[in-house]
Amino acid sequence: MEKYQFGYGCMRLPLLNADDPASFDYPLIEKLFDTYMERGFTYFDAAYTYHGYHCEEAVKKALVERHPRDSFELATKLPLRDFKDAEDMERIFNEQLKHCGVEYFDYYLLHNMGTNVYEKCRKYDAFGFAAKKKAEGKIRYLGMSFHDMPELLDEILENYGEMLDFVQLQINYVDWEQPNVQSRRCLEVANKYHKPVFVMEPCKGGTLVNLPEEAKKLMREYAPETSFASWAFRFAASQEGVVRVLSGMNTMEQVMDNTATFRDFRPITEEEMAVIRQVTEIIEKNTPIPCTACSYCTHGCPKGIAIPEYFALYNSISRTTGSFSSQAVYYNNISLKHGKASDCIGCRQCERACPQHLPITDYLKDVAAKFEAGSSFPTRK
């Protein structure tokens, strides 16, 4: 696996209708995929659960059915929250082969490994199941995506590391020392076991692109022609043990800019790190809810609450001064088709699913207090 490889994440593909996760804009997706490949890159990262369980079918139509099998590398993932037992893992894996229209996966990951699913994986031997599929030639490289504390990662790699070819970690400069993510320490554990690291959320769900104005000014003064995304990618890719960085792209501008970063890659410098440390302080001061908008929390929400969208609006308010009427309008419009923040019943299924381990129910109370207090609220139809 060549260092500084750049992967296309398929979690946030372009849609025709933002309220329908399966309304794929295929002409645009095909154009984006083709351009990415024309610029020398081959890795596509899908998952069973992305886009309301329709991502793999979209990748089949936009990629697999249009390009020779040996011209791209396809990754997908076993949904650890979804499977019920060993037989169910077999069913899901066979569904994935069919959904993607392939006979094997280049990369296959145990998806969203953490405390909430680890014992389940041990009970039903998810590691052994995936290793068996690799032995059968249906998986070329086996790994796991991990969202938890470094102590658990150490335990897993101690017990199952021999089965894993790589690990996928959330690494970005804001989460480098964050206690709920601990990117640096998790990376150190992976390096301890000599596991190549793939990076997810290098831009933290867009947070490191949509920066506070004070942070933007710092970066522009230092490097006027460099995109904010490039700073984030170069930080992640410059870390020891990192061999691939993923990005979900839904515009041609993003594809062109991001591929340019990796076609002519320059490791981050100490001087640039000083700027990044200042930017991190500004972001932490202006981002009360560190959500990455992965939407894992929304699957199965009994009230259909648009959690990531509401958190983004709340964070946006925190970065502005004066009236926040525009965010309120957006909130009201979204709530016409989804549950309000105050509709939360405290079941906490969202918190069990959250890769960032956020106290979502508490944050929803903050959102409700900000957007709903004293307002004449519209009724959802």
Protein backbone atom coordinates (compact mmCIF):
# COMPACT_ATOMS: atom_id res chain seq x y z
CA MET A 1 0.00 0.00 0.00
CA GLU A 2 1.65 3.19 -1.21
CA LYS A 3 2.00 6.05 1.24
CA TYR A 4 -0.06 9.21 0.64
CA GLN A 5 -2.75 7.43 -1.34
CA PHE A 6 -6.02 9.31 -1.50
CA GLY A 7 -9.39 7.57 -1.23
CA TYR A 8 -12.88 8.58 -2.31
CA GLY A 9 -15.28 8.31 0.62
CA CYS A 10 -18.85 7.50 -0.40
CA MET A 11 -20.66 8.56 2.77
CA ARG A 12 -21.87 11.88 1.37
CA LEU A 13 -22.58 11.43 -2.34
CA PRO A 14 -24.47 14.16 -4.25
CA LEU A 15 -28.26 13.93 -4.02
CA LEU A 16 -31.18 15.33 -5.98
CA ASN A 17 -33.28 15.65 -2.83
CA ALA A 18 -31.55 16.36 0.47
CA ASP A 19 -34.39 14.66 2.35
CA ASP A 20 -33.99 11.40 0.42
CA PRO A 21 -30.61 9.70 1.03
CA ALA A 22 -31.16 7.43 -1.98
CA SER A 23 -31.96 10.16 -4.52
CA PHE A 24 -28.51 9.96 -6.08
CA ASP A 25 -27.46 12.48 -8.70
CA TYR A 26 -25.93 9.80 -10.93
CA PRO A 27 -24.72 12.04 -13.78
CA LEU A 28 -22.76 14.15 -11.29
CA ILE A 29 -21.51 11.15 -9.29
CA GLU A 30 -20.26 9.46 -12.45
CA LYS A 31 -18.47 12.64 -13.51
CA LEU A 32 -16.83 12.98 -10.09
CA PHE A 33 -15.78 9.32 -9.98
CA ASP A 34 -14.39 9.47 -13.52
CA THR A 35 -12.40 12.63 -12.85
CA TYR A 36 -10.97 11.21 -9.64
CA MET A 37 -9.80 8.11 -11.55
CA GLU A 38 -8.48 10.11 -14.50
CA ARG A 39 -6.29 11.99 -12.05
CA GLY A 40 -4.63 8.76 -10.97
CA PHE A 41 -6.59 7.50 -7.95
CA THR A 42 -8.46 4.23 -7.54
CA TYR A 43 -9.78 3.68 -3.98
CA PHE A 44 -13.53 3.90 -3.23
CA ASP A 45 -14.76 3.56 0.35
CA ALA A 46 -18.39 2.41 0.66
CA ALA A 47 -20.40 0.87 3.51
CA TYR A 48 -23.55 -1.19 4.00
CA THR A 49 -25.24 1.52 6.07
CA TYR A 50 -24.29 4.70 4.17
CA HIS A 51 -27.06 6.65 2.47
CA GLY A 52 -29.83 4.80 4.26
CA TYR A 53 -28.40 1.40 3.22
CA HIS A 54 -28.27 2.33 -0.49
CA CYS A 55 -24.64 3.40 -0.90
CA GLU A 56 -23.35 0.09 -2.24
CA GLU A 57 -25.99 -0.01 -4.96
CA ALA A 58 -25.05 3.52 -5.99
CA VAL A 59 -21.38 2.57 -6.22
CA LYS A 60 -22.33 -0.42 -8.34
CA LYS A 61 -24.21 1.74 -10.82
CA ALA A 62 -21.79 4.69 -10.94
CA LEU A 63 -18.51 2.75 -10.73
CA VAL A 64 -18.61 -1.03 -11.01
CA GLU A 65 -20.89 -1.25 -14.03
CA ARG A 66 -18.93 1.43 -15.88
CA HIS A 67 -15.27 0.54 -15.28
CA PRO A 68 -13.16 -2.64 -15.58
CA ARG A 69 -12.88 -4.45 -12.24
CA ASP A 70 -9.09 -4.15 -12.18
CA SER A 71 -9.18 -0.38 -12.66
CA PHE A 72 -10.43 0.43 -9.15
CA GLU A 73 -10.17 -0.76 -5.54
CA LEU A 74 -13.43 -1.18 -3.65
CA ALA A 75 -13.84 -1.15 0.11
CA THR A 76 -16.98 -1.78 2.12
CA LYS A 77 -17.80 -2.71 5.69
CA LEU A 78 -19.62 -5.22 7.89
CA PRO A 79 -22.19 -3.26 9.97
CA LEU A 80 -21.41 -4.35 13.53
CA ARG A 81 -24.57 -2.79 14.96
CA ASP A 82 -26.82 -4.55 12.46
CA PHE A 83 -25.90 -8.23 12.39
CA LYS A 84 -27.72 -10.57 14.78
CA ASP A 85 -25.57 -13.72 14.72
CA ALA A 86 -23.10 -15.69 12.58
CA GLU A 87 -25.73 -16.59 9.99
CA ASP A 88 -26.69 -12.94 9.68
CA MET A 89 -23.10 -11.95 8.96
CA GLU A 90 -23.10 -14.44 6.10
CA ARG A 91 -26.37 -13.03 4.77
CA ILE A 92 -25.13 -9.46 4.92
CA PHE A 93 -21.82 -10.29 3.25
CA ASN A 94 -23.57 -12.04 0.37
CA GLU A 95 -25.95 -9.10 0.03
CA GLN A 96 -22.97 -6.77 -0.18
CA LEU A 97 -21.38 -8.73 -3.00
CA LYS A 98 -24.68 -8.52 -4.87
CA HIS A 99 -25.26 -4.85 -4.05
CA CYS A 100 -21.80 -3.95 -5.32
CA GLY A 101 -21.88 -6.31 -8.31
CA VAL A 102 -18.48 -7.83 -7.50
CA GLU A 103 -17.06 -11.26 -6.68
CA TYR A 104 -14.59 -9.95 -4.10
CA PHE A 105 -13.75 -6.83 -2.12
CA ASP A 106 -10.31 -5.31 -2.28
CA TYR A 107 -10.71 -4.04 1.28
CA TYR A 108 -13.25 -5.09 3.88
CA LEU A 109 -13.67 -3.54 7.31
CA LEU A 110 -15.43 -4.34 10.54
CA HIS A 111 -17.40 -1.12 10.75
CA ASN A 112 -17.42 1.33 13.66
CA MET A 113 -15.68 -0.89 16.20
CA GLY A 114 -16.08 0.29 19.76
CA THR A 115 -17.13 -0.67 23.26
CA ASN A 116 -20.79 -0.91 22.21
CA VAL A 117 -20.14 -3.77 19.74
CA TYR A 118 -16.84 -5.36 20.79
CA GLU A 119 -18.35 -8.06 23.02
CA LYS A 120 -20.89 -8.89 20.33
CA CYS A 121 -18.04 -9.33 17.85
CA ARG A 122 -16.23 -11.61 20.28
CA LYS A 123 -19.37 -13.66 20.94
CA TYR A 124 -20.08 -14.30 17.26
CA ASP A 125 -16.43 -14.24 16.14
CA ALA A 126 -16.80 -11.42 13.64
CA PHE A 127 -13.02 -11.31 13.27
CA GLY A 128 -12.90 -15.00 12.41
CA PHE A 129 -15.80 -14.65 9.99
CA ALA A 130 -14.06 -11.92 8.03
CA ALA A 131 -10.74 -13.78 8.13
CA LYS A 132 -12.49 -16.82 6.65
CA LYS A 133 -13.84 -14.72 3.79
CA LYS A 134 -10.31 -13.47 3.17
CA ALA A 135 -9.02 -17.05 3.09
CA GLU A 136 -11.73 -17.85 0.52
CA GLY A 137 -10.44 -15.04 -1.72
CA LYS A 138 -13.48 -12.82 -1.26
CA ILE A 139 -11.47 -10.19 0.63
CA ARG A 140 -7.96 -9.06 -0.28
CA TYR A 141 -7.19 -6.88 2.76
CA LEU A 142 -9.03 -7.01 6.08
CA GLY A 143 -9.27 -4.13 8.53
CA MET A 144 -11.56 -2.31 10.91
CA SER A 145 -12.74 1.24 11.37
CA PHE A 146 -12.35 2.25 14.98
CA HIS A 147 -14.13 4.92 17.05
CA ASP A 148 -13.19 4.52 20.67
CA MET A 149 -10.44 4.90 23.25
CA PRO A 150 -6.79 3.87 22.68
CA GLU A 151 -6.96 1.34 25.53
CA LEU A 152 -9.64 -0.65 23.70
CA LEU A 153 -7.72 -0.42 20.43
CA ASP A 154 -4.68 -1.85 22.20
CA GLU A 155 -6.75 -4.74 23.57
CA ILE A 156 -8.27 -5.53 20.17
CA LEU A 157 -4.94 -5.44 18.34
CA GLU A 158 -3.35 -7.57 21.06
CA ASN A 159 -6.06 -10.23 20.65
CA TYR A 160 -6.92 -9.98 16.94
CA GLY A 161 -4.15 -7.97 15.34
CA GLU A 162 -2.78 -10.93 13.39
CA MET A 163 -6.02 -11.07 11.42
CA LEU A 164 -6.01 -7.37 10.51
CA ASP A 165 -4.02 -5.86 7.65
CA PHE A 166 -4.85 -2.24 8.54
CA VAL A 167 -6.94 -0.02 10.80
CA GLN A 168 -9.01 3.02 9.90
CA LEU A 169 -8.89 5.86 12.42
CA GLN A 170 -10.40 9.30 12.81
CA ILE A 171 -7.40 11.63 12.54
CA ASN A 172 -7.53 15.40 12.20
CA TYR A 173 -5.84 18.29 13.90
CA VAL A 174 -8.83 19.21 16.07
CA ASP A 175 -9.26 15.66 17.40
CA TRP A 176 -5.51 15.13 17.85
CA GLU A 177 -5.74 15.57 21.63
CA GLN A 178 -9.52 15.63 22.13
CA PRO A 179 -10.42 13.34 25.08
CA ASN A 180 -13.46 11.87 23.30
CA VAL A 181 -11.44 10.85 20.19
CA GLN A 182 -7.71 10.89 21.05
CA SER A 183 -6.42 10.66 17.50
CA ARG A 184 -2.76 10.88 18.49
CA ARG A 185 -2.86 8.10 21.06
CA CYS A 186 -4.91 5.79 18.82
CA LEU A 187 -2.39 6.32 16.04
CA GLU A 188 0.45 5.48 18.43
CA VAL A 189 -1.28 2.20 19.32
CA ALA A 190 -1.68 1.29 15.65
CA ASN A 191 2.00 2.06 15.07
CA LYS A 192 2.93 -0.07 18.07
CA TYR A 193 1.37 -3.07 16.31
CA HIS A 194 2.77 -2.03 12.91
CA LYS A 195 -0.68 -1.64 11.36
CA PRO A 196 -0.95 0.70 8.35
CA VAL A 197 -3.48 3.44 9.08
CA PHE A 198 -6.23 4.74 6.81
CA VAL A 199 -7.63 8.11 7.87
CA MET A 200 -11.33 8.98 8.03
CA GLU A 201 -12.80 12.38 8.90
CA PRO A 202 -9.61 14.32 8.09
CA CYS A 203 -11.78 17.44 7.73
CA LYS A 204 -14.08 16.42 10.61
CA GLY A 205 -17.26 16.40 8.55
CA GLY A 206 -16.49 19.78 6.97
CA THR A 207 -15.59 21.54 10.24
CA LEU A 208 -12.02 22.12 9.04
CA VAL A 209 -13.25 23.64 5.78
CA ASN A 210 -16.04 25.80 7.19
CA LEU A 211 -13.75 27.57 9.62
CA PRO A 212 -14.44 30.60 11.83
CA GLU A 213 -13.38 33.82 10.09
CA GLU A 214 -10.52 34.37 12.52
CA ALA A 215 -9.07 30.96 11.61
CA LYS A 216 -9.55 31.53 7.89
CA LYS A 217 -7.64 34.78 8.15
CA LEU A 218 -4.65 33.08 9.79
CA MET A 219 -4.38 30.42 7.10
CA ARG A 220 -4.91 32.86 4.23
CA GLU A 221 -2.22 35.18 5.54
CA TYR A 222 0.26 32.32 5.71
CA ALA A 223 -0.66 30.60 2.42
CA PRO A 224 -3.14 32.62 0.32
CA GLU A 225 -3.45 30.01 -2.47
CA THR A 226 -3.82 26.94 -0.23
CA SER A 227 -7.30 25.58 0.46
CA PHE A 228 -8.43 24.92 4.02
CA ALA A 229 -9.06 21.27 3.11
CA SER A 230 -5.47 20.91 1.93
CA TRP A 231 -4.20 21.96 5.36
CA ALA A 232 -6.30 19.21 6.96
CA PHE A 233 -5.32 16.50 4.48
CA ARG A 234 -1.62 17.29 4.70
CA PHE A 235 -1.74 17.22 8.50
CA ALA A 236 -3.35 13.76 8.50
CA ALA A 237 -1.21 12.28 5.74
CA SER A 238 2.02 13.52 7.32
CA GLN A 239 1.60 11.43 10.46
CA GLU A 240 3.71 8.32 11.02
CA GLY A 241 2.01 5.14 9.86
CA VAL A 242 -0.66 6.82 7.73
CA VAL A 243 -0.84 5.35 4.23
CA ARG A 244 -4.22 6.54 2.95
CA VAL A 245 -6.53 9.50 3.59
CA LEU A 246 -10.22 9.45 2.68
CA SER A 247 -12.48 12.30 1.67
CA GLY A 248 -16.16 12.43 0.81
CA MET A 249 -16.48 14.71 -2.21
CA ASN A 250 -19.66 15.96 -3.83
CA THR A 251 -18.45 18.76 -6.11
CA MET A 252 -15.97 18.94 -8.96
CA GLU A 253 -14.13 21.72 -7.14
CA GLN A 254 -13.49 19.38 -4.22
CA VAL A 255 -12.27 16.56 -6.47
CA MET A 256 -9.87 18.83 -8.33
CA ASP A 257 -8.50 20.51 -5.22
CA ASN A 258 -8.14 17.35 -3.15
CA THR A 259 -6.52 15.28 -5.86
CA ALA A 260 -4.11 18.15 -6.54
CA THR A 261 -3.05 18.01 -2.89
CA PHE A 262 -2.09 14.36 -3.19
CA ARG A 263 -0.66 14.42 -6.70
CA ASP A 264 1.99 16.85 -5.50
CA PHE A 265 2.05 15.99 -1.81
CA ARG A 266 4.08 18.12 0.60
CA PRO A 267 4.36 16.97 4.23
CA ILE A 268 3.26 19.53 6.79
CA THR A 269 6.05 21.72 8.15
CA GLU A 270 6.77 22.83 11.72
CA GLU A 271 5.95 26.40 10.77
CA GLU A 272 2.57 25.30 9.39
CA MET A 273 1.96 23.28 12.56
CA ALA A 274 2.26 26.49 14.56
CA VAL A 275 -0.55 27.96 12.45
CA ILE A 276 -2.62 24.81 12.88
CA ARG A 277 -2.28 24.99 16.66
CA GLN A 278 -3.65 28.53 16.62
CA VAL A 279 -6.50 27.50 14.33
CA THR A 280 -7.34 24.57 16.62
CA GLU A 281 -7.71 26.90 19.58
CA ILE A 282 -10.05 29.14 17.60
CA ILE A 283 -12.19 26.20 16.42
CA GLU A 284 -12.48 24.75 19.93
CA LYS A 285 -13.61 28.13 21.19
CA ASN A 286 -16.29 28.37 18.47
CA THR A 287 -17.60 24.79 18.19
CA PRO A 288 -19.73 23.76 21.18
CA ILE A 289 -20.91 20.47 19.60
CA PRO A 290 -18.07 18.46 17.96
CA CYS A 291 -20.36 16.55 15.57
CA THR A 292 -18.98 15.16 12.28
CA ALA A 293 -22.41 14.71 10.63
CA CYS A 294 -21.92 10.98 10.01
CA SER A 295 -25.68 10.47 10.71
CA TYR A 296 -25.20 7.15 12.52
CA CYS A 297 -27.33 8.67 15.29
CA THR A 298 -30.40 9.05 13.08
CA HIS A 299 -30.85 5.37 12.17
CA GLY A 300 -33.71 4.12 14.29
CA CYS A 301 -34.48 7.42 16.05
CA PRO A 302 -38.10 6.90 17.15
CA LYS A 303 -38.89 10.59 16.62
CA GLY A 304 -37.03 11.05 13.34
CA ILE A 305 -34.97 13.94 14.72
CA ALA A 306 -32.54 15.51 12.24
CA ILE A 307 -29.72 15.49 14.79
CA PRO A 308 -26.68 16.38 12.62
CA GLU A 309 -28.55 19.16 10.84
CA TYR A 310 -29.68 20.71 14.12
CA PHE A 311 -26.18 20.48 15.60
CA ALA A 312 -24.72 22.18 12.53
CA LEU A 313 -27.19 25.04 12.90
CA TYR A 314 -26.39 25.34 16.60
CA ASN A 315 -22.66 25.50 15.86
CA SER A 316 -23.31 28.06 13.16
CA ILE A 317 -25.08 30.28 15.66
CA SER A 318 -22.11 30.07 17.99
CA ARG A 319 -19.85 31.50 15.28
CA THR A 320 -22.03 34.52 14.52
CA THR A 321 -22.91 37.69 16.34
CA GLY A 322 -26.22 39.50 16.49
CA SER A 323 -29.40 37.99 15.08
CA PHE A 324 -29.48 34.35 14.10
CA SER A 325 -32.78 34.52 12.20
CA SER A 326 -31.45 32.65 9.16
CA GLN A 327 -30.49 29.63 11.25
CA ALA A 328 -33.90 29.73 12.92
CA VAL A 329 -35.59 29.68 9.53
CA TYR A 330 -33.57 26.65 8.51
CA TYR A 331 -34.40 24.95 11.79
CA ASN A 332 -38.11 25.56 11.35
CA ASN A 333 -38.05 24.30 7.77
CA ILE A 334 -36.22 21.10 8.68
CA SER A 335 -38.59 20.44 11.56
CA LEU A 336 -41.55 20.34 9.18
CA LYS A 337 -40.32 16.96 7.93
CA HIS A 338 -38.42 15.75 10.99
CA GLY A 339 -38.86 15.69 14.75
CA LYS A 340 -37.94 18.78 16.73
CA ALA A 341 -35.04 18.67 19.17
CA SER A 342 -37.57 18.84 22.02
CA ASP A 343 -39.27 15.67 20.73
CA CYS A 344 -36.36 13.60 22.08
CA ILE A 345 -37.62 10.92 24.52
CA GLY A 346 -34.20 10.16 25.96
CA CYS A 347 -33.90 6.57 24.69
CA ARG A 348 -30.19 7.25 23.98
CA GLN A 349 -29.93 4.86 21.02
CA CYS A 350 -28.26 7.78 19.25
CA GLU A 351 -25.57 7.97 21.92
CA ARG A 352 -24.85 4.27 21.69
CA ALA A 353 -24.35 4.68 17.93
CA CYS A 354 -22.32 7.90 18.03
CA PRO A 355 -18.67 7.35 17.00
CA GLN A 356 -17.73 10.56 18.83
CA HIS A 357 -19.36 9.42 22.11
CA LEU A 358 -21.29 12.67 22.36
CA PRO A 359 -24.00 13.30 25.01
CA ILE A 360 -26.53 13.83 22.24
CA THR A 361 -29.63 14.00 24.41
CA ASP A 362 -28.09 16.80 26.46
CA TYR A 363 -27.08 18.68 23.33
CA LEU A 364 -30.60 18.35 21.95
CA LYS A 365 -31.87 20.17 25.04
CA ASP A 366 -29.46 23.00 24.25
CA VAL A 367 -30.67 23.07 20.65
CA ALA A 368 -34.30 23.17 21.75
CA ALA A 369 -33.58 25.99 24.19
CA LYS A 370 -31.88 28.00 21.45
CA PHE A 371 -34.38 27.48 18.62
CA GLU A 372 -37.72 26.72 20.23
CA ALA A 373 -37.93 28.83 23.38
CA GLY A 374 -40.55 31.54 23.05
CA SER A 375 -41.35 30.77 19.40
CA SER A 376 -44.59 29.93 17.70
CA PHE A 377 -43.46 26.64 16.31
CA PRO A 378 -44.77 25.12 13.08
CA THR A 379 -46.46 21.75 13.13
CA ARG A 380 -44.94 18.85 11.27
CA LYS A 381 -47.28 17.38 8.68
